[in-house]
């Protein structure tokens, strides 16, 4: 696609930033030397005129050709990679917290108030107790 655009003499492209589908297209176009403008979907819709899903690309092209679109902030490759790692880490921490709550709820259903006895059920002592229970130990 990038080579086809270059062969046609295209120097800039505008991409609407909806979902995550634009990310690989942006990367490919940018790596081929095209100036890529990332456009906020709300901004494109706020300009008066007819806009529907059918003529979305044509509408963006017309607005871009007239200079009516502002580029959204897109950090450099290193910063973008760091942001992706940090966001993934945050998601993993949220998932871990949710799973700990599920463990506490399951223990409560079993009438085990372990969180009243140890401060952190995922700590070394709490996990040893949980492993013993899961292993079939019934002697307190």
N, C-alpha and C. Protein backbone atom coordinates (compact mmCIF):
# COMPACT_ATOMS: atom_id res chain seq x y z
N UNK A 1 0.83 -1.19 0.00
CA UNK A 1 0.00 0.00 0.00
C UNK A 1 0.87 1.25 0.00
N UNK A 2 1.91 1.25 0.85
CA UNK A 2 2.78 2.43 0.94
C UNK A 2 3.46 2.70 -0.39
N UNK A 3 3.97 1.66 -1.03
CA UNK A 3 4.64 1.84 -2.32
C UNK A 3 3.67 2.33 -3.38
N UNK A 4 2.44 1.83 -3.34
CA UNK A 4 1.42 2.28 -4.28
C UNK A 4 1.15 3.77 -4.11
N UNK A 5 1.04 4.23 -2.86
CA UNK A 5 0.82 5.66 -2.60
C UNK A 5 2.00 6.49 -3.08
N UNK A 6 3.21 5.99 -2.84
CA UNK A 6 4.41 6.72 -3.28
C UNK A 6 4.44 6.79 -4.81
N UNK A 7 4.09 5.69 -5.48
CA UNK A 7 4.06 5.68 -6.94
C UNK A 7 3.05 6.67 -7.49
N UNK A 8 1.97 6.91 -6.74
CA UNK A 8 0.96 7.89 -7.17
C UNK A 8 1.37 9.32 -6.85
N UNK A 9 2.47 9.50 -6.14
CA UNK A 9 2.95 10.84 -5.81
C UNK A 9 2.40 11.39 -4.51
N UNK A 10 1.80 10.54 -3.71
CA UNK A 10 1.26 10.97 -2.42
C UNK A 10 2.42 11.21 -1.46
N UNK A 11 2.39 12.34 -0.76
CA UNK A 11 3.44 12.66 0.19
C UNK A 11 2.95 12.65 1.63
N UNK A 12 1.66 12.92 1.82
CA UNK A 12 1.08 12.91 3.16
C UNK A 12 -0.18 12.06 3.16
N UNK A 13 -0.50 11.53 4.33
CA UNK A 13 -1.72 10.74 4.49
C UNK A 13 -2.33 11.08 5.83
N UNK A 14 -3.65 11.05 5.90
CA UNK A 14 -4.37 11.29 7.15
C UNK A 14 -5.06 9.99 7.54
N UNK A 15 -4.88 9.61 8.80
CA UNK A 15 -5.48 8.38 9.32
C UNK A 15 -6.31 8.74 10.54
N UNK A 16 -7.53 8.24 10.57
CA UNK A 16 -8.41 8.45 11.72
C UNK A 16 -8.02 7.47 12.82
N UNK A 17 -7.86 7.97 14.03
CA UNK A 17 -7.38 7.13 15.14
C UNK A 17 -8.54 6.51 15.90
N UNK A 18 -9.18 5.54 15.28
CA UNK A 18 -10.26 4.81 15.96
C UNK A 18 -9.80 3.37 16.16
N UNK A 19 -9.99 2.87 17.36
CA UNK A 19 -9.57 1.50 17.66
C UNK A 19 -8.06 1.36 17.60
N UNK A 20 -7.60 0.19 17.19
CA UNK A 20 -6.17 -0.07 17.08
C UNK A 20 -5.77 -0.44 15.66
N UNK A 21 -6.72 -0.38 14.74
CA UNK A 21 -6.45 -0.80 13.36
C UNK A 21 -5.48 0.15 12.65
N UNK A 22 -5.40 1.38 13.08
CA UNK A 22 -4.56 2.36 12.42
C UNK A 22 -3.07 2.16 12.74
N UNK A 23 -2.73 1.49 13.84
CA UNK A 23 -1.35 1.41 14.32
C UNK A 23 -0.41 0.78 13.29
N UNK A 24 -0.70 -0.43 12.75
CA UNK A 24 0.23 -0.99 11.77
C UNK A 24 0.28 -0.20 10.47
N UNK A 25 -0.85 0.34 10.05
CA UNK A 25 -0.87 1.15 8.82
C UNK A 25 0.00 2.39 9.01
N UNK A 26 -0.14 3.03 10.16
CA UNK A 26 0.67 4.20 10.48
C UNK A 26 2.15 3.85 10.43
N UNK A 27 2.52 2.73 11.06
CA UNK A 27 3.93 2.33 11.11
C UNK A 27 4.49 2.06 9.72
N UNK A 28 3.71 1.37 8.86
CA UNK A 28 4.18 1.05 7.52
C UNK A 28 4.35 2.33 6.69
N UNK A 29 3.34 3.19 6.72
CA UNK A 29 3.42 4.42 5.93
C UNK A 29 4.58 5.30 6.40
N UNK A 30 4.75 5.40 7.71
CA UNK A 30 5.83 6.22 8.26
C UNK A 30 7.19 5.64 7.90
N UNK A 31 7.32 4.31 7.93
CA UNK A 31 8.61 3.69 7.61
C UNK A 31 8.99 3.87 6.14
N UNK A 32 8.00 4.13 5.28
CA UNK A 32 8.29 4.38 3.87
C UNK A 32 8.50 5.86 3.56
N UNK A 33 8.55 6.68 4.59
CA UNK A 33 8.87 8.09 4.40
C UNK A 33 7.69 9.01 4.15
N UNK A 34 6.49 8.50 4.26
CA UNK A 34 5.31 9.36 4.09
C UNK A 34 5.06 10.14 5.38
N UNK A 35 4.58 11.36 5.23
CA UNK A 35 4.17 12.14 6.40
C UNK A 35 2.75 11.71 6.75
N UNK A 36 2.60 11.10 7.92
CA UNK A 36 1.31 10.57 8.32
C UNK A 36 0.74 11.45 9.42
N UNK A 37 -0.49 11.89 9.22
CA UNK A 37 -1.17 12.73 10.20
C UNK A 37 -2.24 11.87 10.87
N UNK A 38 -2.11 11.74 12.17
CA UNK A 38 -3.08 11.00 12.95
C UNK A 38 -4.18 11.96 13.38
N UNK A 39 -5.41 11.66 13.01
CA UNK A 39 -6.52 12.58 13.21
C UNK A 39 -7.48 12.03 14.24
N UNK A 40 -7.90 12.88 15.18
CA UNK A 40 -8.91 12.51 16.16
C UNK A 40 -10.26 12.42 15.44
N UNK A 41 -10.98 11.32 15.66
CA UNK A 41 -12.25 11.10 14.97
C UNK A 41 -13.26 12.20 15.31
N UNK A 42 -13.25 12.68 16.55
CA UNK A 42 -14.19 13.74 16.94
C UNK A 42 -13.93 15.02 16.16
N UNK A 43 -12.67 15.32 15.92
CA UNK A 43 -12.34 16.53 15.18
C UNK A 43 -12.84 16.44 13.75
N UNK A 44 -12.68 15.30 13.12
CA UNK A 44 -13.13 15.12 11.74
C UNK A 44 -14.64 15.24 11.65
N UNK A 45 -15.34 14.80 12.65
CA UNK A 45 -16.81 14.88 12.63
C UNK A 45 -17.32 16.27 12.96
N UNK A 46 -16.48 17.09 13.62
CA UNK A 46 -16.95 18.42 14.02
C UNK A 46 -16.94 19.42 12.87
N UNK A 47 -16.23 19.12 11.79
CA UNK A 47 -16.22 20.01 10.65
C UNK A 47 -17.54 19.85 9.90
N UNK A 48 -18.21 20.98 9.58
CA UNK A 48 -19.51 20.86 8.92
C UNK A 48 -19.40 20.20 7.54
N UNK A 49 -20.41 19.45 7.21
CA UNK A 49 -20.46 18.77 5.92
C UNK A 49 -21.04 17.39 6.08
N UNK A 50 -21.25 16.73 4.97
CA UNK A 50 -21.81 15.39 5.02
C UNK A 50 -20.71 14.38 5.31
N UNK A 51 -20.97 13.55 6.28
CA UNK A 51 -19.99 12.53 6.63
C UNK A 51 -20.74 11.27 7.04
N UNK A 52 -20.42 10.17 6.41
CA UNK A 52 -21.00 8.88 6.78
C UNK A 52 -19.89 7.84 6.67
N UNK A 53 -20.18 6.63 7.06
CA UNK A 53 -19.19 5.56 6.97
C UNK A 53 -18.83 5.25 5.52
N UNK A 54 -19.74 5.51 4.61
CA UNK A 54 -19.50 5.18 3.21
C UNK A 54 -18.42 6.07 2.61
N UNK A 55 -18.51 7.36 2.86
CA UNK A 55 -17.54 8.28 2.26
C UNK A 55 -16.54 8.82 3.28
N UNK A 56 -16.27 8.05 4.32
CA UNK A 56 -15.38 8.47 5.40
C UNK A 56 -13.98 8.82 4.89
N UNK A 57 -13.38 7.94 4.11
CA UNK A 57 -12.02 8.17 3.61
C UNK A 57 -11.97 9.38 2.69
N UNK A 58 -12.98 9.53 1.84
CA UNK A 58 -13.01 10.68 0.93
C UNK A 58 -13.16 11.98 1.72
N UNK A 59 -13.97 11.94 2.76
CA UNK A 59 -14.17 13.12 3.59
C UNK A 59 -12.88 13.51 4.30
N UNK A 60 -12.17 12.53 4.87
CA UNK A 60 -10.88 12.81 5.51
C UNK A 60 -9.88 13.37 4.50
N UNK A 61 -9.87 12.80 3.29
CA UNK A 61 -8.94 13.28 2.26
C UNK A 61 -9.24 14.73 1.90
N UNK A 62 -10.51 15.06 1.77
CA UNK A 62 -10.88 16.43 1.42
C UNK A 62 -10.49 17.41 2.54
N UNK A 63 -10.78 17.04 3.80
CA UNK A 63 -10.42 17.90 4.92
C UNK A 63 -8.90 18.05 5.03
N UNK A 64 -8.17 16.97 4.79
CA UNK A 64 -6.71 17.01 4.86
C UNK A 64 -6.14 17.88 3.74
N UNK A 65 -6.70 17.75 2.54
CA UNK A 65 -6.23 18.54 1.40
C UNK A 65 -6.47 20.03 1.63
N UNK A 66 -7.54 20.36 2.34
CA UNK A 66 -7.84 21.77 2.62
C UNK A 66 -7.11 22.28 3.86
N UNK A 67 -6.40 21.41 4.55
CA UNK A 67 -5.65 21.83 5.74
C UNK A 67 -6.53 22.02 6.96
N UNK A 68 -7.65 21.36 7.02
CA UNK A 68 -8.58 21.53 8.12
C UNK A 68 -8.39 20.53 9.25
N UNK A 69 -7.44 19.62 9.12
CA UNK A 69 -7.21 18.61 10.15
C UNK A 69 -5.91 18.91 10.89
N UNK A 70 -5.98 18.77 12.20
CA UNK A 70 -4.79 18.92 13.03
C UNK A 70 -4.25 17.54 13.37
N UNK A 71 -2.95 17.40 13.39
CA UNK A 71 -2.35 16.12 13.74
C UNK A 71 -2.39 15.93 15.25
N UNK A 72 -2.78 14.74 15.67
CA UNK A 72 -2.75 14.38 17.09
C UNK A 72 -1.31 14.10 17.49
N UNK A 73 -1.04 14.18 18.78
CA UNK A 73 0.30 13.90 19.27
C UNK A 73 0.60 12.41 19.12
N UNK A 74 1.71 12.10 18.53
CA UNK A 74 2.19 10.72 18.40
C UNK A 74 3.66 10.72 18.81
N UNK A 75 3.98 10.08 19.94
CA UNK A 75 5.36 10.09 20.41
C UNK A 75 6.26 9.28 19.48
N UNK A 76 7.56 9.47 19.65
CA UNK A 76 8.54 8.72 18.87
C UNK A 76 8.46 7.23 19.17
N UNK A 77 9.17 6.42 18.39
CA UNK A 77 9.10 4.97 18.52
C UNK A 77 9.50 4.48 19.91
N UNK A 78 10.58 5.02 20.47
CA UNK A 78 11.05 4.57 21.78
C UNK A 78 10.04 4.90 22.87
N UNK A 79 9.50 6.10 22.84
CA UNK A 79 8.52 6.51 23.84
C UNK A 79 7.23 5.71 23.67
N UNK A 80 6.83 5.46 22.43
CA UNK A 80 5.62 4.67 22.18
C UNK A 80 5.79 3.25 22.71
N UNK A 81 6.97 2.67 22.52
CA UNK A 81 7.23 1.31 23.04
C UNK A 81 7.20 1.32 24.56
N UNK A 82 7.80 2.32 25.17
CA UNK A 82 7.79 2.43 26.64
C UNK A 82 6.37 2.58 27.16
N UNK A 83 5.57 3.43 26.51
CA UNK A 83 4.17 3.60 26.91
C UNK A 83 3.40 2.29 26.80
N UNK A 84 3.65 1.53 25.73
CA UNK A 84 2.96 0.25 25.56
C UNK A 84 3.33 -0.71 26.69
N UNK A 85 4.62 -0.77 27.05
CA UNK A 85 5.04 -1.64 28.15
C UNK A 85 4.41 -1.21 29.47
N UNK A 86 4.38 0.09 29.72
CA UNK A 86 3.80 0.58 30.97
C UNK A 86 2.30 0.31 31.04
N UNK A 87 1.61 0.47 29.93
CA UNK A 87 0.17 0.18 29.91
C UNK A 87 -0.09 -1.31 30.11
N UNK A 88 0.74 -2.15 29.50
CA UNK A 88 0.59 -3.59 29.68
C UNK A 88 0.85 -3.98 31.13
N UNK A 89 1.87 -3.36 31.74
CA UNK A 89 2.18 -3.63 33.15
C UNK A 89 0.99 -3.24 34.03
N UNK A 90 0.41 -2.08 33.75
CA UNK A 90 -0.74 -1.62 34.52
C UNK A 90 -1.91 -2.60 34.39
N UNK A 91 -2.14 -3.12 33.18
CA UNK A 91 -3.21 -4.10 32.98
C UNK A 91 -2.94 -5.37 33.78
N UNK A 92 -1.68 -5.84 33.77
CA UNK A 92 -1.34 -7.05 34.52
C UNK A 92 -1.54 -6.84 36.01
N UNK A 93 -1.21 -5.66 36.51
CA UNK A 93 -1.41 -5.37 37.94
C UNK A 93 -2.90 -5.35 38.28
N UNK A 94 -3.71 -4.78 37.39
CA UNK A 94 -5.16 -4.77 37.62
C UNK A 94 -5.72 -6.19 37.60
N UNK A 95 -5.26 -7.01 36.66
CA UNK A 95 -5.71 -8.39 36.59
C UNK A 95 -5.32 -9.14 37.86
N UNK A 96 -4.09 -8.90 38.33
CA UNK A 96 -3.63 -9.58 39.55
C UNK A 96 -4.50 -9.19 40.73
N UNK A 97 -4.82 -7.92 40.85
CA UNK A 97 -5.67 -7.46 41.96
C UNK A 97 -7.05 -8.12 41.88
N UNK A 98 -7.58 -8.24 40.67
CA UNK A 98 -8.88 -8.87 40.49
C UNK A 98 -8.83 -10.35 40.88
N UNK A 99 -7.77 -11.02 40.51
CA UNK A 99 -7.64 -12.44 40.86
C UNK A 99 -7.47 -12.64 42.36
N UNK A 100 -6.78 -11.73 43.01
CA UNK A 100 -6.64 -11.81 44.48
C UNK A 100 -8.00 -11.66 45.13
N UNK A 101 -8.81 -10.74 44.61
CA UNK A 101 -10.17 -10.58 45.15
C UNK A 101 -11.00 -11.85 44.94
N UNK A 102 -10.82 -12.52 43.79
CA UNK A 102 -11.52 -13.78 43.55
C UNK A 102 -11.07 -14.84 44.53
N UNK A 103 -9.76 -14.87 44.83
CA UNK A 103 -9.26 -15.83 45.81
C UNK A 103 -9.89 -15.56 47.18
N UNK A 104 -9.95 -14.29 47.58
CA UNK A 104 -10.53 -13.94 48.88
C UNK A 104 -12.01 -14.32 48.91
N UNK A 105 -12.71 -14.10 47.82
CA UNK A 105 -14.13 -14.44 47.77
C UNK A 105 -14.33 -15.95 47.88
N UNK A 106 -13.49 -16.72 47.17
CA UNK A 106 -13.59 -18.19 47.24
C UNK A 106 -13.30 -18.67 48.66
N UNK A 107 -12.31 -18.09 49.31
CA UNK A 107 -11.99 -18.47 50.69
C UNK A 107 -13.15 -18.13 51.62
N UNK A 108 -13.78 -16.99 51.41
CA UNK A 108 -14.92 -16.58 52.22
C UNK A 108 -16.09 -17.56 52.03
N UNK A 109 -16.32 -17.99 50.78
CA UNK A 109 -17.37 -18.98 50.52
C UNK A 109 -17.09 -20.29 51.24
N UNK A 110 -15.81 -20.60 51.44
CA UNK A 110 -15.43 -21.82 52.16
C UNK A 110 -15.38 -21.58 53.67
N UNK A 111 -15.84 -20.40 54.09
CA UNK A 111 -15.86 -20.00 55.49
C UNK A 111 -14.45 -19.92 56.09
N UNK A 112 -13.50 -19.51 55.27
CA UNK A 112 -12.12 -19.30 55.72
C UNK A 112 -11.83 -17.80 55.65
N UNK A 113 -11.70 -17.19 56.79
CA UNK A 113 -11.44 -15.75 56.86
C UNK A 113 -9.93 -15.51 56.95
N UNK A 114 -9.21 -16.00 55.98
CA UNK A 114 -7.75 -15.94 55.99
C UNK A 114 -7.24 -14.50 56.00
N UNK A 115 -7.96 -13.60 55.37
CA UNK A 115 -7.51 -12.21 55.31
C UNK A 115 -7.55 -11.53 56.69
N UNK A 116 -8.25 -12.13 57.67
CA UNK A 116 -8.24 -11.60 59.04
C UNK A 116 -7.02 -12.09 59.82
N UNK A 117 -6.40 -13.16 59.34
CA UNK A 117 -5.27 -13.78 60.05
C UNK A 117 -3.93 -13.28 59.50
N UNK A 118 -3.81 -13.19 58.19
CA UNK A 118 -2.57 -12.71 57.57
C UNK A 118 -2.87 -11.42 56.83
N UNK A 119 -1.89 -10.54 56.81
CA UNK A 119 -2.12 -9.22 56.20
C UNK A 119 -2.17 -9.31 54.67
N UNK A 120 -1.46 -10.26 54.09
CA UNK A 120 -1.42 -10.40 52.63
C UNK A 120 -1.56 -11.87 52.28
N UNK A 121 -2.72 -12.25 51.73
CA UNK A 121 -2.93 -13.67 51.43
C UNK A 121 -2.03 -14.13 50.29
N UNK A 122 -1.47 -13.21 49.52
CA UNK A 122 -0.56 -13.60 48.44
C UNK A 122 0.89 -13.56 48.89
N UNK A 123 1.11 -13.26 50.16
CA UNK A 123 2.47 -13.30 50.69
C UNK A 123 2.90 -14.74 50.90
N UNK A 124 4.10 -14.92 51.45
CA UNK A 124 4.65 -16.28 51.61
C UNK A 124 3.78 -17.13 52.53
N UNK A 125 3.39 -16.59 53.69
CA UNK A 125 2.58 -17.36 54.64
C UNK A 125 1.20 -17.66 54.08
N UNK A 126 0.55 -16.66 53.51
CA UNK A 126 -0.78 -16.85 52.94
C UNK A 126 -0.77 -17.89 51.84
N UNK A 127 0.22 -17.85 50.96
CA UNK A 127 0.28 -18.80 49.86
C UNK A 127 0.59 -20.22 50.35
N UNK A 128 1.40 -20.33 51.42
CA UNK A 128 1.66 -21.66 51.98
C UNK A 128 0.37 -22.27 52.54
N UNK A 129 -0.43 -21.43 53.21
CA UNK A 129 -1.71 -21.91 53.75
C UNK A 129 -2.65 -22.32 52.62
N UNK A 130 -2.73 -21.49 51.58
CA UNK A 130 -3.62 -21.80 50.45
C UNK A 130 -3.16 -23.06 49.73
N UNK A 131 -1.85 -23.21 49.54
CA UNK A 131 -1.32 -24.42 48.88
C UNK A 131 -1.63 -25.67 49.73
N UNK A 132 -1.52 -25.54 51.04
CA UNK A 132 -1.83 -26.68 51.92
C UNK A 132 -3.30 -27.06 51.82
N UNK A 133 -4.18 -26.05 51.80
CA UNK A 133 -5.62 -26.31 51.66
C UNK A 133 -5.90 -26.96 50.31
N UNK A 134 -5.31 -26.41 49.25
CA UNK A 134 -5.53 -26.97 47.92
C UNK A 134 -4.94 -28.38 47.80
N UNK A 135 -3.91 -28.66 48.58
CA UNK A 135 -3.29 -29.98 48.57
C UNK A 135 -4.03 -31.01 49.39
N UNK A 136 -5.10 -30.60 50.07
CA UNK A 136 -5.91 -31.54 50.82
C UNK A 136 -5.69 -31.51 52.32
N UNK A 137 -4.85 -30.64 52.80
CA UNK A 137 -4.59 -30.54 54.24
C UNK A 137 -5.83 -29.99 54.93
N UNK A 138 -6.31 -30.70 55.96
CA UNK A 138 -7.50 -30.25 56.69
C UNK A 138 -7.23 -30.04 58.18
N UNK A 139 -6.05 -30.36 58.63
CA UNK A 139 -5.69 -30.20 60.04
C UNK A 139 -5.15 -28.80 60.26
N UNK A 140 -5.85 -27.95 61.06
CA UNK A 140 -5.39 -26.57 61.26
C UNK A 140 -4.06 -26.53 61.96
